[in-house]
Amino acid sequence: MAIVLDGTANTVTPLNGVLGATTPAAASVTTLNASGVITGNGSGLTNIAAPAALSTASGSAPSYSARAWVNFNGTGTVAIRASGNVSSITDNGTGTYTVNFTNAMSDINYTTNATISQVYAVSNNLVLINTNASGEVAPTTSAVAVICLSNAGTVADVKYFSVSVFR
C-alpha cells in the first residue's frame, strides 16, 4: 500500500494500489498531531508515538545529539571542511575564531567541546572556549568563540580545528 504525506495538512493518506490511483474514503485518513503522534478515525493506526530515542542508541542512558558541529582549517583563508548547523567561521586574527550557528541555541547554557590537531604546530597547544585574544567572551545563542593557545601563551593558527556543541 502506498502512502502520501501532505505537508500542508500533515495528512497521511493510504492509497489502494499505485500512487495516485484512487483516494480512499475519509474514514481511512490518518493525521499527525503537533507531538508527532499518529491519530486516526478508522485506519487502525491510532496513538502511535514518535520514537523517544535515537535509533542507534543502546542501553538505558539517554542519548543526545550534537546541536552544532564543525571541522575547519584555521590556517590561511579559514575553510569549513564539514559541519552541521554552522553557517560560517569568523577569523578574528591569529588562532581566534567565532563559530556561527545557522539556527540559534535555545539559551546560552550549552556545552562546547573543541579539539585541534596539527602535525607541524607548536606542541602542547591548548584550546580555550568563550575566549578571544582580549580575554573571556560571554557565550551567545548565535555563536561561540574559540582560541588556540600554545603553552608559551601565544595564539596560533591550526590546520585541523573541530568544535561540537551539545544542549
C-alpha atoms as a PDB file:
ATOM      1  CA  MET A   1       0.000   0.000   0.000  1.00  0.00           C
ATOM      2  CA  ALA A   2       1.403   3.416  -0.943  1.00  0.00           C
ATOM      3  CA  ILE A   3       1.288   6.365   1.474  1.00  0.00           C
ATOM      4  CA  VAL A   4       1.215  10.049   0.565  1.00  0.00           C
ATOM      5  CA  LEU A   5       2.308  12.715   3.058  1.00  0.00           C
ATOM      6  CA  ASP A   6       0.592  16.026   2.566  1.00  0.00           C
ATOM      7  CA  GLY A   7       2.998  18.551   4.137  1.00  0.00           C
ATOM      8  CA  THR A   8       0.422  21.310   4.261  1.00  0.00           C
ATOM      9  CA  ALA A   9      -2.040  19.426   6.456  1.00  0.00           C
ATOM     10  CA  ASN A  10       0.270  16.725   7.851  1.00  0.00           C
ATOM     11  CA  THR A  11      -2.125  14.146   6.453  1.00  0.00           C
ATOM     12  CA  VAL A  12      -1.178  10.546   5.742  1.00  0.00           C
ATOM     13  CA  THR A  13      -3.390   9.094   3.029  1.00  0.00           C
ATOM     14  CA  PRO A  14      -3.162   5.359   2.230  1.00  0.00           C
ATOM     15  CA  LEU A  15      -3.855   4.655  -1.425  1.00  0.00           C
ATOM     16  CA  ASN A  16      -5.062   1.413  -2.934  1.00  0.00           C
ATOM     17  CA  GLY A  17      -2.504   0.092  -5.391  1.00  0.00           C
ATOM     18  CA  VAL A  18      -0.380   2.649  -7.210  1.00  0.00           C
ATOM     19  CA  LEU A  19       0.353   6.169  -6.049  1.00  0.00           C
ATOM     20  CA  GLY A  20      -2.287   8.487  -7.410  1.00  0.00           C
ATOM     21  CA  ALA A  21      -4.729   5.676  -8.170  1.00  0.00           C
ATOM     22  CA  THR A  22      -7.752   6.404  -6.036  1.00  0.00           C
ATOM     23  CA  THR A  23      -8.466   8.444  -2.952  1.00  0.00           C
ATOM     24  CA  PRO A  24      -9.810   6.292  -0.101  1.00  0.00           C
ATOM     25  CA  ALA A  25     -12.853   7.139   1.938  1.00  0.00           C
ATOM     26  CA  ALA A  26     -12.461   9.771   4.658  1.00  0.00           C
ATOM     27  CA  ALA A  27     -12.671   7.045   7.317  1.00  0.00           C
ATOM     28  CA  SER A  28      -9.126   5.882   6.471  1.00  0.00           C
ATOM     29  CA  VAL A  29      -7.408   9.281   6.703  1.00  0.00           C
ATOM     30  CA  THR A  30      -4.734   9.452   9.400  1.00  0.00           C
ATOM     31  CA  THR A  31      -3.071  12.620  10.726  1.00  0.00           C
ATOM     32  CA  LEU A  32      -0.058  13.571  12.844  1.00  0.00           C
ATOM     33  CA  ASN A  33      -0.696  15.829  15.803  1.00  0.00           C
ATOM     34  CA  ALA A  34       1.748  18.544  16.999  1.00  0.00           C
ATOM     35  CA  SER A  35       3.643  15.997  19.139  1.00  0.00           C
ATOM     36  CA  GLY A  36       4.263  13.697  16.185  1.00  0.00           C
ATOM     37  CA  VAL A  37       1.682  11.159  17.392  1.00  0.00           C
ATOM     38  CA  ILE A  38      -0.388   9.464  14.701  1.00  0.00           C
ATOM     39  CA  THR A  39      -4.120   9.792  15.290  1.00  0.00           C
ATOM     40  CA  GLY A  40      -6.874   8.423  13.135  1.00  0.00           C
ATOM     41  CA  ASN A  41     -10.513   7.643  12.648  1.00  0.00           C
ATOM     42  CA  GLY A  42     -10.817   4.083  11.427  1.00  0.00           C
ATOM     43  CA  SER A  43      -7.484   3.380   9.717  1.00  0.00           C
ATOM     44  CA  GLY A  44      -6.264   1.163  12.558  1.00  0.00           C
ATOM     45  CA  LEU A  45      -3.305   3.477  13.234  1.00  0.00           C
ATOM     46  CA  THR A  46      -4.091   5.343  16.438  1.00  0.00           C
ATOM     47  CA  ASN A  47      -1.893   6.977  19.051  1.00  0.00           C
ATOM     48  CA  ILE A  48       1.422   5.658  17.754  1.00  0.00           C
ATOM     49  CA  ALA A  49       4.087   7.835  19.375  1.00  0.00           C
ATOM     50  CA  ALA A  50       7.177   9.076  17.583  1.00  0.00           C
ATOM     51  CA  PRO A  51      10.445   7.383  18.688  1.00  0.00           C
ATOM     52  CA  ALA A  52      11.658   8.703  22.057  1.00  0.00           C
ATOM     53  CA  ALA A  53      15.345   7.983  21.427  1.00  0.00           C
ATOM     54  CA  LEU A  54      17.882   7.860  18.644  1.00  0.00           C
ATOM     55  CA  SER A  55      17.640   4.691  16.592  1.00  0.00           C
ATOM     56  CA  THR A  56      21.355   3.949  17.133  1.00  0.00           C
ATOM     57  CA  ALA A  57      21.204   4.343  20.916  1.00  0.00           C
ATOM     58  CA  SER A  58      21.594   1.323  23.175  1.00  0.00           C
ATOM     59  CA  GLY A  59      21.393   0.895  26.937  1.00  0.00           C
ATOM     60  CA  SER A  60      19.245   2.786  29.401  1.00  0.00           C
ATOM     61  CA  ALA A  61      21.100   6.130  29.492  1.00  0.00           C
ATOM     62  CA  PRO A  62      19.573   8.823  27.260  1.00  0.00           C
ATOM     63  CA  SER A  63      21.322   9.711  24.027  1.00  0.00           C
ATOM     64  CA  TYR A  64      21.793  13.330  22.940  1.00  0.00           C
ATOM     65  CA  SER A  65      22.745  14.650  19.527  1.00  0.00           C
ATOM     66  CA  ALA A  66      25.135  17.487  18.822  1.00  0.00           C
ATOM     67  CA  ARG A  67      23.226  20.728  18.200  1.00  0.00           C
ATOM     68  CA  ALA A  68      26.106  22.040  16.089  1.00  0.00           C
ATOM     69  CA  TRP A  69      29.497  20.771  14.936  1.00  0.00           C
ATOM     70  CA  VAL A  70      32.242  21.830  12.554  1.00  0.00           C
ATOM     71  CA  ASN A  71      35.628  20.679  11.268  1.00  0.00           C
ATOM     72  CA  PHE A  72      37.583  23.558   9.717  1.00  0.00           C
ATOM     73  CA  ASN A  73      41.005  24.641   8.509  1.00  0.00           C
ATOM     74  CA  GLY A  74      42.148  27.562  10.660  1.00  0.00           C
ATOM     75  CA  THR A  75      45.206  28.471   8.566  1.00  0.00           C
ATOM     76  CA  GLY A  76      45.304  30.990   5.716  1.00  0.00           C
ATOM     77  CA  THR A  77      41.763  31.541   4.485  1.00  0.00           C
ATOM     78  CA  VAL A  78      39.585  29.752   7.033  1.00  0.00           C
ATOM     79  CA  ALA A  79      37.599  26.981   5.344  1.00  0.00           C
ATOM     80  CA  ILE A  80      34.905  24.655   6.676  1.00  0.00           C
ATOM     81  CA  ARG A  81      35.549  21.018   5.703  1.00  0.00           C
ATOM     82  CA  ALA A  82      32.254  19.676   7.067  1.00  0.00           C
ATOM     83  CA  SER A  83      29.620  20.931   9.502  1.00  0.00           C
ATOM     84  CA  GLY A  84      26.134  20.704  10.923  1.00  0.00           C
ATOM     85  CA  ASN A  85      24.157  23.796  11.992  1.00  0.00           C
ATOM     86  CA  VAL A  86      27.207  26.015  11.416  1.00  0.00           C
ATOM     87  CA  SER A  87      26.756  28.821   8.892  1.00  0.00           C
ATOM     88  CA  SER A  88      30.311  30.175   8.919  1.00  0.00           C
ATOM     89  CA  ILE A  89      33.567  30.647  10.808  1.00  0.00           C
ATOM     90  CA  THR A  90      34.791  34.163  11.524  1.00  0.00           C
ATOM     91  CA  ASP A  91      38.593  34.513  11.605  1.00  0.00           C
ATOM     92  CA  ASN A  92      39.246  37.045  14.382  1.00  0.00           C
ATOM     93  CA  GLY A  93      43.028  37.032  13.942  1.00  0.00           C
ATOM     94  CA  THR A  94      45.765  34.514  14.622  1.00  0.00           C
ATOM     95  CA  GLY A  95      44.331  31.461  16.377  1.00  0.00           C
ATOM     96  CA  THR A  96      40.997  33.076  17.314  1.00  0.00           C
ATOM     97  CA  TYR A  97      37.715  32.131  15.659  1.00  0.00           C
ATOM     98  CA  THR A  98      33.982  32.529  16.074  1.00  0.00           C
ATOM     99  CA  VAL A  99      31.762  29.576  15.148  1.00  0.00           C
ATOM    100  CA  ASN A 100      28.438  30.991  13.897  1.00  0.00           C
ATOM    101  CA  PHE A 101      25.306  28.832  14.193  1.00  0.00           C
ATOM    102  CA  THR A 102      22.794  28.503  11.359  1.00  0.00           C
ATOM    103  CA  ASN A 103      19.966  28.076  13.900  1.00  0.00           C
ATOM    104  CA  ALA A 104      20.420  29.711  17.293  1.00  0.00           C
ATOM    105  CA  MET A 105      20.621  27.692  20.508  1.00  0.00           C
ATOM    106  CA  SER A 106      17.613  27.934  22.834  1.00  0.00           C
ATOM    107  CA  ASP A 107      19.774  29.610  25.508  1.00  0.00           C
ATOM    108  CA  ILE A 108      23.455  30.050  26.445  1.00  0.00           C
ATOM    109  CA  ASN A 109      23.559  27.005  28.735  1.00  0.00           C
ATOM    110  CA  TYR A 110      25.051  24.691  26.120  1.00  0.00           C
ATOM    111  CA  THR A 111      28.372  22.914  26.378  1.00  0.00           C
ATOM    112  CA  THR A 112      31.139  23.226  23.802  1.00  0.00           C
ATOM    113  CA  ASN A 113      33.950  20.812  23.058  1.00  0.00           C
ATOM    114  CA  ALA A 114      36.879  21.773  20.856  1.00  0.00           C
ATOM    115  CA  THR A 115      39.946  19.880  19.692  1.00  0.00           C
ATOM    116  CA  ILE A 116      42.859  20.641  17.435  1.00  0.00           C
ATOM    117  CA  SER A 117      45.300  18.508  15.523  1.00  0.00           C
ATOM    118  CA  GLN A 118      48.306  19.692  13.577  1.00  0.00           C
ATOM    119  CA  VAL A 119      51.499  17.830  12.803  1.00  0.00           C
ATOM    120  CA  TYR A 120      53.746  20.873  12.474  1.00  0.00           C
ATOM    121  CA  ALA A 121      52.217  23.043  15.228  1.00  0.00           C
ATOM    122  CA  VAL A 122      53.879  24.072  18.452  1.00  0.00           C
ATOM    123  CA  SER A 123      53.496  21.218  20.936  1.00  0.00           C
ATOM    124  CA  ASN A 124      51.181  21.373  23.950  1.00  0.00           C
ATOM    125  CA  ASN A 125      48.569  23.602  22.340  1.00  0.00           C
ATOM    126  CA  LEU A 126      45.509  24.426  24.416  1.00  0.00           C
ATOM    127  CA  VAL A 127      42.009  25.231  23.187  1.00  0.00           C
ATOM    128  CA  LEU A 128      40.011  27.819  25.115  1.00  0.00           C
ATOM    129  CA  ILE A 129      36.262  28.230  24.664  1.00  0.00           C
ATOM    130  CA  ASN A 130      34.355  31.540  25.051  1.00  0.00           C
ATOM    131  CA  THR A 131      37.685  33.308  24.838  1.00  0.00           C
ATOM    132  CA  ASN A 132      39.373  35.530  22.278  1.00  0.00           C
ATOM    133  CA  ALA A 133      42.669  37.449  22.147  1.00  0.00           C
ATOM    134  CA  SER A 134      41.234  40.055  24.558  1.00  0.00           C
ATOM    135  CA  GLY A 135      40.078  37.537  27.171  1.00  0.00           C
ATOM    136  CA  GLU A 136      36.792  35.966  28.192  1.00  0.00           C
ATOM    137  CA  VAL A 137      33.805  36.339  25.878  1.00  0.00           C
ATOM    138  CA  ALA A 138      30.253  35.771  27.111  1.00  0.00           C
ATOM    139  CA  PRO A 139      28.520  32.955  25.247  1.00  0.00           C
ATOM    140  CA  THR A 140      25.656  33.868  22.926  1.00  0.00           C
ATOM    141  CA  THR A 141      22.830  31.841  21.404  1.00  0.00           C
ATOM    142  CA  SER A 142      24.121  32.534  17.883  1.00  0.00           C
ATOM    143  CA  ALA A 143      27.865  31.816  18.150  1.00  0.00           C
ATOM    144  CA  VAL A 144      30.730  30.521  20.259  1.00  0.00           C
ATOM    145  CA  ALA A 145      34.288  31.906  20.407  1.00  0.00           C
ATOM    146  CA  VAL A 146      37.313  29.577  20.416  1.00  0.00           C
ATOM    147  CA  ILE A 147      41.055  30.187  20.523  1.00  0.00           C
ATOM    148  CA  CYS A 148      44.182  28.058  20.163  1.00  0.00           C
ATOM    149  CA  LEU A 149      46.831  28.990  22.714  1.00  0.00           C
ATOM    150  CA  SER A 150      50.311  27.449  22.990  1.00  0.00           C
ATOM    151  CA  ASN A 151      51.883  26.511  26.320  1.00  0.00           C
ATOM    152  CA  ALA A 152      54.017  29.655  25.914  1.00  0.00           C
ATOM    153  CA  GLY A 153      50.843  31.755  25.946  1.00  0.00           C
ATOM    154  CA  THR A 154      50.875  32.720  22.265  1.00  0.00           C
ATOM    155  CA  VAL A 155      47.978  32.242  19.894  1.00  0.00           C
ATOM    156  CA  ALA A 156      48.489  30.002  16.877  1.00  0.00           C
ATOM    157  CA  ASP A 157      46.560  29.139  13.731  1.00  0.00           C
ATOM    158  CA  VAL A 158      45.919  25.408  13.363  1.00  0.00           C
ATOM    159  CA  LYS A 159      45.160  23.288  10.321  1.00  0.00           C
ATOM    160  CA  TYR A 160      42.592  20.992  11.967  1.00  0.00           C
ATOM    161  CA  PHE A 161      40.092  22.554  14.361  1.00  0.00           C
ATOM    162  CA  SER A 162      36.927  20.710  15.463  1.00  0.00           C
ATOM    163  CA  VAL A 163      34.116  22.134  17.586  1.00  0.00           C
ATOM    164  CA  SER A 164      30.912  20.464  18.808  1.00  0.00           C
ATOM    165  CA  VAL A 165      28.017  21.931  20.775  1.00  0.00           C
ATOM    166  CA  PHE A 166      25.540  19.984  22.931  1.00  0.00           C
ATOM    167  CA  ARG A 167      22.376  21.173  24.707  1.00  0.00           C
END
